[in-house]
Amino acid sequence: MTDHTYKKIELTGSSTVGIQEAIESAIAKASESISNMRWFEVIETRGHIDETKVAHWQVTIKVGFTLK
């Protein structure tokens, strides 16, 4: 196994559908400019309520990626 050096960034994704979609949205957008993403950890989950219903989910994650 090769030793790696990682960098972490913090992202917040949102979705009207659910938590997983919010996470996937953040990772998909980050993948447009960041390569070698390896893992993520959920830091915070919150939502927006509109007239007694959940309108949006927001999930903050930290994503780790290897440096070249």
PDB file of N, CA and C in Angstrom:
ATOM      1  N   MET A   1       0.840  -1.185   0.000  1.00  0.00           N
ATOM      2  CA  MET A   1       0.000   0.000   0.000  1.00  0.00           C
ATOM      3  C   MET A   1       0.886   1.249   0.000  1.00  0.00           C
ATOM      4  N   THR A   2       0.559   2.188  -0.844  1.00  0.00           N
ATOM      5  CA  THR A   2       1.299   3.426  -0.945  1.00  0.00           C
ATOM      6  C   THR A   2       0.802   4.421   0.097  1.00  0.00           C
ATOM      7  N   ASP A   3       1.737   5.168   0.678  1.00  0.00           N
ATOM      8  CA  ASP A   3       1.341   6.221   1.608  1.00  0.00           C
ATOM      9  C   ASP A   3       0.750   7.384   0.824  1.00  0.00           C
ATOM     10  N   HIS A   4      -0.302   7.996   1.352  1.00  0.00           N
ATOM     11  CA  HIS A   4      -0.961   9.121   0.705  1.00  0.00           C
ATOM     12  C   HIS A   4      -1.009  10.312   1.651  1.00  0.00           C
ATOM     13  N   THR A   5      -1.092  11.481   1.072  1.00  0.00           N
ATOM     14  CA  THR A   5      -1.374  12.697   1.823  1.00  0.00           C
ATOM     15  C   THR A   5      -2.726  13.197   1.368  1.00  0.00           C
ATOM     16  N   TYR A   6      -3.573  13.504   2.331  1.00  0.00           N
ATOM     17  CA  TYR A   6      -4.950  13.909   2.032  1.00  0.00           C
ATOM     18  C   TYR A   6      -5.182  15.370   2.380  1.00  0.00           C
ATOM     19  N   LYS A   7      -6.116  15.967   1.680  1.00  0.00           N
ATOM     20  CA  LYS A   7      -6.615  17.296   2.007  1.00  0.00           C
ATOM     21  C   LYS A   7      -8.113  17.157   2.208  1.00  0.00           C
ATOM     22  N   LYS A   8      -8.676  17.944   3.146  1.00  0.00           N
ATOM     23  CA  LYS A   8     -10.117  17.919   3.383  1.00  0.00           C
ATOM     24  C   LYS A   8     -10.709  19.278   3.046  1.00  0.00           C
ATOM     25  N   ILE A   9     -11.889  19.234   2.434  1.00  0.00           N
ATOM     26  CA  ILE A   9     -12.655  20.451   2.187  1.00  0.00           C
ATOM     27  C   ILE A   9     -14.051  20.260   2.757  1.00  0.00           C
ATOM     28  N   GLU A  10     -14.719  21.361   3.025  1.00  0.00           N
ATOM     29  CA  GLU A  10     -16.080  21.314   3.557  1.00  0.00           C
ATOM     30  C   GLU A  10     -17.049  21.803   2.482  1.00  0.00           C
ATOM     31  N   LEU A  11     -18.120  21.052   2.277  1.00  0.00           N
ATOM     32  CA  LEU A  11     -19.133  21.360   1.275  1.00  0.00           C
ATOM     33  C   LEU A  11     -20.512  21.265   1.900  1.00  0.00           C
ATOM     34  N   THR A  12     -21.467  22.004   1.358  1.00  0.00           N
ATOM     35  CA  THR A  12     -22.868  21.862   1.754  1.00  0.00           C
ATOM     36  C   THR A  12     -23.697  21.654   0.508  1.00  0.00           C
ATOM     37  N   GLY A  13     -24.382  20.517   0.453  1.00  0.00           N
ATOM     38  CA  GLY A  13     -25.280  20.219  -0.658  1.00  0.00           C
ATOM     39  C   GLY A  13     -26.719  20.372  -0.205  1.00  0.00           C
ATOM     40  N   SER A  14     -27.604  20.629  -1.147  1.00  0.00           N
ATOM     41  CA  SER A  14     -29.024  20.753  -0.800  1.00  0.00           C
ATOM     42  C   SER A  14     -29.870  19.959  -1.779  1.00  0.00           C
ATOM     43  N   SER A  15     -31.062  19.586  -1.321  1.00  0.00           N
ATOM     44  CA  SER A  15     -31.986  18.812  -2.145  1.00  0.00           C
ATOM     45  C   SER A  15     -33.399  18.949  -1.604  1.00  0.00           C
ATOM     46  N   THR A  16     -34.358  18.921  -2.496  1.00  0.00           N
ATOM     47  CA  THR A  16     -35.758  18.884  -2.078  1.00  0.00           C
ATOM     48  C   THR A  16     -36.214  17.449  -1.851  1.00  0.00           C
ATOM     49  N   VAL A  17     -35.376  16.476  -2.244  1.00  0.00           N
ATOM     50  CA  VAL A  17     -35.755  15.060  -2.171  1.00  0.00           C
ATOM     51  C   VAL A  17     -35.349  14.403  -0.856  1.00  0.00           C
ATOM     52  N   GLY A  18     -34.060  14.565  -0.476  1.00  0.00           N
ATOM     53  CA  GLY A  18     -33.610  13.904   0.735  1.00  0.00           C
ATOM     54  C   GLY A  18     -32.140  14.113   1.023  1.00  0.00           C
ATOM     55  N   ILE A  19     -31.680  13.507   2.116  1.00  0.00           N
ATOM     56  CA  ILE A  19     -30.317  13.663   2.596  1.00  0.00           C
ATOM     57  C   ILE A  19     -29.309  13.084   1.611  1.00  0.00           C
ATOM     58  N   GLN A  20     -29.542  11.882   1.139  1.00  0.00           N
ATOM     59  CA  GLN A  20     -28.593  11.248   0.225  1.00  0.00           C
ATOM     60  C   GLN A  20     -28.417  12.071  -1.047  1.00  0.00           C
ATOM     61  N   GLU A  21     -29.498  12.596  -1.561  1.00  0.00           N
ATOM     62  CA  GLU A  21     -29.431  13.412  -2.774  1.00  0.00           C
ATOM     63  C   GLU A  21     -28.637  14.696  -2.535  1.00  0.00           C
ATOM     64  N   ALA A  22     -28.760  15.271  -1.341  1.00  0.00           N
ATOM     65  CA  ALA A  22     -27.992  16.467  -0.997  1.00  0.00           C
ATOM     66  C   ALA A  22     -26.493  16.162  -0.969  1.00  0.00           C
ATOM     67  N   ILE A  23     -26.134  15.017  -0.397  1.00  0.00           N
ATOM     68  CA  ILE A  23     -24.731  14.591  -0.359  1.00  0.00           C
ATOM     69  C   ILE A  23     -24.220  14.352  -1.778  1.00  0.00           C
ATOM     70  N   GLU A  24     -24.984  13.621  -2.567  1.00  0.00           N
ATOM     71  CA  GLU A  24     -24.570  13.307  -3.937  1.00  0.00           C
ATOM     72  C   GLU A  24     -24.445  14.572  -4.788  1.00  0.00           C
ATOM     73  N   SER A  25     -25.298  15.543  -4.551  1.00  0.00           N
ATOM     74  CA  SER A  25     -25.236  16.807  -5.275  1.00  0.00           C
ATOM     75  C   SER A  25     -23.930  17.544  -4.969  1.00  0.00           C
ATOM     76  N   ALA A  26     -23.556  17.596  -3.711  1.00  0.00           N
ATOM     77  CA  ALA A  26     -22.314  18.273  -3.318  1.00  0.00           C
ATOM     78  C   ALA A  26     -21.095  17.565  -3.911  1.00  0.00           C
ATOM     79  N   ILE A  27     -21.075  16.242  -3.857  1.00  0.00           N
ATOM     80  CA  ILE A  27     -19.942  15.483  -4.393  1.00  0.00           C
ATOM     81  C   ILE A  27     -19.867  15.616  -5.913  1.00  0.00           C
ATOM     82  N   ALA A  28     -21.007  15.560  -6.582  1.00  0.00           N
ATOM     83  CA  ALA A  28     -21.024  15.694  -8.046  1.00  0.00           C
ATOM     84  C   ALA A  28     -20.490  17.055  -8.480  1.00  0.00           C
ATOM     85  N   LYS A  29     -20.909  18.108  -7.801  1.00  0.00           N
ATOM     86  CA  LYS A  29     -20.444  19.454  -8.158  1.00  0.00           C
ATOM     87  C   LYS A  29     -18.948  19.587  -7.889  1.00  0.00           C
ATOM     88  N   ALA A  30     -18.484  19.081  -6.750  1.00  0.00           N
ATOM     89  CA  ALA A  30     -17.059  19.164  -6.421  1.00  0.00           C
ATOM     90  C   ALA A  30     -16.206  18.379  -7.412  1.00  0.00           C
ATOM     91  N   SER A  31     -16.740  17.281  -7.933  1.00  0.00           N
ATOM     92  CA  SER A  31     -15.970  16.448  -8.864  1.00  0.00           C
ATOM     93  C   SER A  31     -15.687  17.152 -10.185  1.00  0.00           C
ATOM     94  N   GLU A  32     -16.368  18.264 -10.449  1.00  0.00           N
ATOM     95  CA  GLU A  32     -16.096  19.033 -11.664  1.00  0.00           C
ATOM     96  C   GLU A  32     -14.736  19.722 -11.604  1.00  0.00           C
ATOM     97  N   SER A  33     -14.226  19.964 -10.389  1.00  0.00           N
ATOM     98  CA  SER A  33     -12.938  20.648 -10.271  1.00  0.00           C
ATOM     99  C   SER A  33     -11.937  19.951  -9.345  1.00  0.00           C
ATOM    100  N   ILE A  34     -12.372  18.909  -8.645  1.00  0.00           N
ATOM    101  CA  ILE A  34     -11.482  18.202  -7.715  1.00  0.00           C
ATOM    102  C   ILE A  34     -11.413  16.738  -8.127  1.00  0.00           C
ATOM    103  N   SER A  35     -10.195  16.223  -8.227  1.00  0.00           N
ATOM    104  CA  SER A  35     -10.037  14.808  -8.564  1.00  0.00           C
ATOM    105  C   SER A  35      -9.531  14.044  -7.341  1.00  0.00           C
ATOM    106  N   ASN A  36      -9.553  12.752  -7.439  1.00  0.00           N
ATOM    107  CA  ASN A  36      -9.034  11.840  -6.404  1.00  0.00           C
ATOM    108  C   ASN A  36      -9.784  11.915  -5.081  1.00  0.00           C
ATOM    109  N   MET A  37     -11.086  12.234  -5.111  1.00  0.00           N
ATOM    110  CA  MET A  37     -11.871  12.216  -3.868  1.00  0.00           C
ATOM    111  C   MET A  37     -11.965  10.767  -3.382  1.00  0.00           C
ATOM    112  N   ARG A  38     -11.787  10.574  -2.089  1.00  0.00           N
ATOM    113  CA  ARG A  38     -11.726   9.216  -1.527  1.00  0.00           C
ATOM    114  C   ARG A  38     -12.802   8.921  -0.489  1.00  0.00           C
ATOM    115  N   TRP A  39     -13.216   9.904   0.300  1.00  0.00           N
ATOM    116  CA  TRP A  39     -14.163   9.644   1.386  1.00  0.00           C
ATOM    117  C   TRP A  39     -14.866  10.928   1.768  1.00  0.00           C
ATOM    118  N   PHE A  40     -15.950  10.760   2.527  1.00  0.00           N
ATOM    119  CA  PHE A  40     -16.642  11.919   3.083  1.00  0.00           C
ATOM    120  C   PHE A  40     -17.157  11.569   4.462  1.00  0.00           C
ATOM    121  N   GLU A  41     -17.389  12.604   5.253  1.00  0.00           N
ATOM    122  CA  GLU A  41     -18.010  12.437   6.563  1.00  0.00           C
ATOM    123  C   GLU A  41     -19.082  13.510   6.710  1.00  0.00           C
ATOM    124  N   VAL A  42     -20.221  13.122   7.253  1.00  0.00           N
ATOM    125  CA  VAL A  42     -21.321  14.065   7.457  1.00  0.00           C
ATOM    126  C   VAL A  42     -21.056  14.852   8.726  1.00  0.00           C
ATOM    127  N   ILE A  43     -21.068  16.176   8.599  1.00  0.00           N
ATOM    128  CA  ILE A  43     -20.797  17.068   9.722  1.00  0.00           C
ATOM    129  C   ILE A  43     -22.091  17.612  10.318  1.00  0.00           C
ATOM    130  N   GLU A  44     -23.028  17.982   9.453  1.00  0.00           N
ATOM    131  CA  GLU A  44     -24.252  18.625   9.916  1.00  0.00           C
ATOM    132  C   GLU A  44     -25.389  18.319   8.939  1.00  0.00           C
ATOM    133  N   THR A  45     -26.562  18.109   9.483  1.00  0.00           N
ATOM    134  CA  THR A  45     -27.766  17.918   8.672  1.00  0.00           C
ATOM    135  C   THR A  45     -28.825  18.882   9.174  1.00  0.00           C
ATOM    136  N   ARG A  46     -29.441  19.594   8.252  1.00  0.00           N
ATOM    137  CA  ARG A  46     -30.505  20.513   8.637  1.00  0.00           C
ATOM    138  C   ARG A  46     -31.508  20.603   7.489  1.00  0.00           C
ATOM    139  N   GLY A  47     -32.627  21.209   7.771  1.00  0.00           N
ATOM    140  CA  GLY A  47     -33.658  21.335   6.746  1.00  0.00           C
ATOM    141  C   GLY A  47     -34.402  22.643   6.858  1.00  0.00           C
ATOM    142  N   HIS A  48     -35.145  22.913   5.829  1.00  0.00           N
ATOM    143  CA  HIS A  48     -35.975  24.117   5.765  1.00  0.00           C
ATOM    144  C   HIS A  48     -37.428  23.676   5.794  1.00  0.00           C
ATOM    145  N   ILE A  49     -38.223  24.294   6.650  1.00  0.00           N
ATOM    146  CA  ILE A  49     -39.641  23.963   6.780  1.00  0.00           C
ATOM    147  C   ILE A  49     -40.458  25.056   6.111  1.00  0.00           C
ATOM    148  N   ASP A  50     -41.401  24.642   5.284  1.00  0.00           N
ATOM    149  CA  ASP A  50     -42.295  25.586   4.607  1.00  0.00           C
ATOM    150  C   ASP A  50     -43.728  25.109   4.821  1.00  0.00           C
ATOM    151  N   GLU A  51     -44.470  25.865   5.583  1.00  0.00           N
ATOM    152  CA  GLU A  51     -45.865  25.535   5.888  1.00  0.00           C
ATOM    153  C   GLU A  51     -46.022  24.110   6.415  1.00  0.00           C
ATOM    154  N   THR A  52     -45.293  23.800   7.451  1.00  0.00           N
ATOM    155  CA  THR A  52     -45.305  22.531   8.195  1.00  0.00           C
ATOM    156  C   THR A  52     -44.758  21.331   7.424  1.00  0.00           C
ATOM    157  N   LYS A  53     -44.135  21.545   6.278  1.00  0.00           N
ATOM    158  CA  LYS A  53     -43.556  20.437   5.504  1.00  0.00           C
ATOM    159  C   LYS A  53     -42.070  20.709   5.247  1.00  0.00           C
ATOM    160  N   VAL A  54     -41.317  19.623   5.140  1.00  0.00           N
ATOM    161  CA  VAL A  54     -39.897  19.751   4.809  1.00  0.00           C
ATOM    162  C   VAL A  54     -39.792  20.186   3.353  1.00  0.00           C
ATOM    163  N   ALA A  55     -39.162  21.339   3.140  1.00  0.00           N
ATOM    164  CA  ALA A  55     -39.033  21.876   1.784  1.00  0.00           C
ATOM    165  C   ALA A  55     -37.663  21.574   1.183  1.00  0.00           C
ATOM    166  N   HIS A  56     -36.609  21.616   1.985  1.00  0.00           N
ATOM    167  CA  HIS A  56     -35.251  21.360   1.520  1.00  0.00           C
ATOM    168  C   HIS A  56     -34.447  20.673   2.610  1.00  0.00           C
ATOM    169  N   TRP A  57     -33.528  19.831   2.183  1.00  0.00           N
ATOM    170  CA  TRP A  57     -32.518  19.266   3.071  1.00  0.00           C
ATOM    171  C   TRP A  57     -31.197  19.934   2.742  1.00  0.00           C
ATOM    172  N   GLN A  58     -30.397  20.227   3.764  1.00  0.00           N
ATOM    173  CA  GLN A  58     -29.034  20.719   3.592  1.00  0.00           C
ATOM    174  C   GLN A  58     -28.120  19.827   4.415  1.00  0.00           C
ATOM    175  N   VAL A  59     -27.069  19.331   3.775  1.00  0.00           N
ATOM    176  CA  VAL A  59     -26.122  18.449   4.454  1.00  0.00           C
ATOM    177  C   VAL A  59     -24.715  19.001   4.244  1.00  0.00           C
ATOM    178  N   THR A  60     -24.013  19.237   5.341  1.00  0.00           N
ATOM    179  CA  THR A  60     -22.624  19.676   5.270  1.00  0.00           C
ATOM    180  C   THR A  60     -21.733  18.463   5.469  1.00  0.00           C
ATOM    181  N   ILE A  61     -20.782  18.312   4.550  1.00  0.00           N
ATOM    182  CA  ILE A  61     -19.862  17.174   4.595  1.00  0.00           C
ATOM    183  C   ILE A  61     -18.426  17.678   4.492  1.00  0.00           C
ATOM    184  N   LYS A  62     -17.511  16.861   4.974  1.00  0.00           N
ATOM    185  CA  LYS A  62     -16.086  17.061   4.712  1.00  0.00           C
ATOM    186  C   LYS A  62     -15.679  15.962   3.745  1.00  0.00           C
ATOM    187  N   VAL A  63     -14.976  16.342   2.690  1.00  0.00           N
ATOM    188  CA  VAL A  63     -14.544  15.400   1.669  1.00  0.00           C
ATOM    189  C   VAL A  63     -13.031  15.347   1.683  1.00  0.00           C
ATOM    190  N   GLY A  64     -12.495  14.141   1.714  1.00  0.00           N
ATOM    191  CA  GLY A  64     -11.049  13.956   1.676  1.00  0.00           C
ATOM    192  C   GLY A  64     -10.617  13.493   0.287  1.00  0.00           C
ATOM    193  N   PHE A  65      -9.523  14.073  -0.188  1.00  0.00           N
ATOM    194  CA  PHE A  65      -8.983  13.652  -1.478  1.00  0.00           C
ATOM    195  C   PHE A  65      -7.471  13.607  -1.389  1.00  0.00           C
ATOM    196  N   THR A  66      -6.874  12.762  -2.241  1.00  0.00           N
ATOM    197  CA  THR A  66      -5.420  12.612  -2.216  1.00  0.00           C
ATOM    198  C   THR A  66      -4.772  13.720  -3.027  1.00  0.00           C
ATOM    199  N   LEU A  67      -3.635  14.176  -2.542  1.00  0.00           N
ATOM    200  CA  LEU A  67      -2.839  15.170  -3.246  1.00  0.00           C
ATOM    201  C   LEU A  67      -1.886  14.456  -4.187  1.00  0.00           C
ATOM    202  N   LYS A  68      -1.641  15.059  -5.314  1.00  0.00           N
ATOM    203  CA  LYS A  68      -0.711  14.468  -6.291  1.00  0.00           C
ATOM    204  C   LYS A  68       0.716  14.733  -5.899  1.00  0.00           C
TER     205      LYS A  68
END
